[in-house]
Amino acid sequence: MIRDYVRLIRPLNCTMGAFGTVIAIFISGGSSISNYASGAVTAFLAMAAGNALNDYTDIEIDKTAHPQRPLPSGRMSKNRALYLAIGLFLLACLASLPLSIYPFAIVLVNISLMILYELYAKNNPAGNIIISYLVGSLFLFGGAIAGHMKSSFFLFLMAFFATLGREIAKGIEDVEGDRGKRRTIAVINLSAARYLSAVFIIIAVILSPLPYLQGLFSAVYLPLVALADILFIYSITRMGKNSVTLRYSMLIALLAFIGGAI
């Protein structure tokens, strides 16, 4: 039974989110050890809750796609998964209480959006926007904990637009499998999806010098983010063929953030 709970929350994924929060706080100027801990625990619990809710809402799909998971296999009831998700969301809120009002508010907004995504938005274009905000909000959360939300806002915008471009690009790759099942932008209008993905990626590239120009990062940031920008632009030429390039671009951009903040 414990193994099923672990599989439901996917702790490796949650640990990556907690680590990302630590990095976001560091990039935004740092904070106390207790704030680092509260931020990381909050992120872990919120992501664990989201994973449990995801399996709850996807049980019918998972009966075919992932029949070995706890819910479709029948090893765990839907109600138990739902109660676990609710409990973890509440614990995430409690873990964020030692932080200031702004991180706590971000946690409440993000939990609301995670629920909205799972229940209503995951199969339509609004889902892309919500996911992109949630990824970018990591920097808002870190900035709020560090007390430098204005500084982290540019990082939020870059992450938001890059993620939105990538989400639409993934939809282009999956367009044939999604027809009749999901109303992604690519399913609605493939040409518009290609255009929008390229536009959002270009916006992220245009924004990329701003953290350095604003004095947020050292010169170490520039060559790394330039490499990320080159890969971002290259990915546009591969639109609909391979979104992995975008994943590597975002990883290098994160390394640029870390390098620039050291």
Foldseek 3Di string as FASTA:
>chain_A
DVVLLCLQLVQVVLQVQLVLLLLLLLLLPHDDPLLNVLSSLLSSLLSSLLSLLLCLLCLVVCLPVPCPHCDNVVVDDSVVSNVSSVVSLVVSLVSCVVADPQLSVLSVVLSVLSVCCSPPNVQEAVNLQSVLQVQLCSNCNSNSRNVHNVLSVLSSLLSSLLSSLLVLLVCLLCVVVCVPPGHYVCVVPVVVSLVSSLVSLVVSLVSQCVSVVVVSFDPLLPVLLVVLNVLSNVVSVCRNPDSVSSVVSVVSNSVSSSNRSD
